[in-house]
Amino acid sequence: MVIQDHPVYMDTKITNVQGRMFNTSVYRPYTLSADVIDFVNWPALYVCQGGSILYKGVAQGRTTSDSVRGRRPGDLEQ
């Protein structure tokens, strides 16, 4: 048996998404929907690289007032 389908593409370029605008066409909210992304729980899946989206990723949102220079208040405590 030969498989003729393209491999599913997982968007792994999620290291620098913190603080970017929450794109609801690519991500669905985890527990908080907000204006910007705090972190990504699960990356988006695409039919193929550069293709249409197969399944939305999951990201945690945060309001812009929840951070100081891109960090959450709990990260500042030492």
Protein backbone atom coordinates (compact mmCIF):
# COMPACT_ATOMS: atom_id res chain seq x y z
CA MET A 1 0.00 0.00 0.00
CA VAL A 2 1.34 3.43 -0.95
CA ILE A 3 0.31 6.61 0.81
CA GLN A 4 -0.05 9.53 -1.58
CA ASP A 5 -0.97 12.27 0.93
CA HIS A 6 1.30 15.08 2.03
CA PRO A 7 2.49 14.90 5.63
CA VAL A 8 0.63 17.08 8.13
CA TYR A 9 2.65 20.17 9.02
CA MET A 10 2.93 21.25 12.67
CA ASP A 11 3.83 24.91 13.13
CA THR A 12 6.84 24.70 15.44
CA LYS A 13 7.86 28.36 15.08
CA ILE A 14 6.15 29.29 18.33
CA THR A 15 9.12 30.44 20.40
CA ASN A 16 8.63 34.18 19.85
CA VAL A 17 4.84 34.48 19.92
CA GLN A 18 4.56 35.89 23.44
CA GLY A 19 3.16 39.40 23.26
CA ARG A 20 1.92 39.10 19.67
CA MET A 21 -1.70 39.71 18.74
CA PHE A 22 -4.04 36.77 19.38
CA ASN A 23 -4.97 35.43 15.93
CA THR A 24 -8.28 33.58 16.30
CA SER A 25 -7.99 32.09 12.82
CA VAL A 26 -4.90 30.12 13.95
CA TYR A 27 -5.36 29.69 17.73
CA ARG A 28 -8.26 29.06 20.04
CA PRO A 29 -8.08 30.24 23.67
CA TYR A 30 -6.97 27.90 26.44
CA THR A 31 -8.54 29.43 29.56
CA LEU A 32 -8.39 33.14 28.76
CA SER A 33 -9.14 34.88 25.51
CA ALA A 34 -7.41 38.25 25.30
CA ASP A 35 -5.70 40.70 22.97
CA VAL A 36 -2.22 39.15 23.03
CA ILE A 37 -0.70 35.68 23.43
CA ASP A 38 0.98 34.73 26.70
CA PHE A 39 2.08 31.21 25.70
CA VAL A 40 1.14 28.44 23.27
CA ASN A 41 -0.14 25.15 24.66
CA TRP A 42 -0.40 23.30 21.35
CA PRO A 43 0.76 24.44 17.90
CA ALA A 44 -1.52 24.71 14.88
CA LEU A 45 -1.70 21.83 12.39
CA TYR A 46 -1.78 22.49 8.65
CA VAL A 47 -2.67 20.20 5.73
CA CYS A 48 0.83 20.79 4.35
CA GLN A 49 3.53 23.41 4.80
CA GLY A 50 2.05 26.67 3.51
CA GLY A 51 -1.36 25.04 3.14
CA SER A 52 -4.70 25.62 4.78
CA ILE A 53 -5.23 25.05 8.48
CA LEU A 54 -6.30 21.56 9.53
CA TYR A 55 -6.73 22.15 13.27
CA LYS A 56 -6.30 25.31 15.32
CA GLY A 57 -3.62 25.50 17.96
CA VAL A 58 -4.32 26.34 21.61
CA ALA A 59 -2.88 29.48 23.19
CA GLN A 60 -3.27 31.27 26.51
CA GLY A 61 -4.20 34.92 26.18
CA ARG A 62 -3.33 37.82 28.46
CA THR A 63 -4.22 41.46 28.58
CA THR A 64 -1.44 43.92 27.87
CA SER A 65 -1.66 45.29 31.42
CA ASP A 66 -0.75 41.85 32.85
CA SER A 67 2.89 42.20 31.89
CA VAL A 68 5.96 44.29 32.53
CA ARG A 69 8.36 44.17 29.57
CA GLY A 70 6.84 40.91 28.34
CA ARG A 71 6.87 39.17 31.73
CA ARG A 72 3.99 38.20 33.94
CA PRO A 73 3.89 39.59 37.50
CA GLY A 74 4.73 36.16 38.98
CA ASP A 75 7.91 35.96 36.88
CA LEU A 76 9.31 39.11 38.48
CA GLU A 77 9.36 37.69 42.02
CA GLN A 78 12.60 36.02 43.04
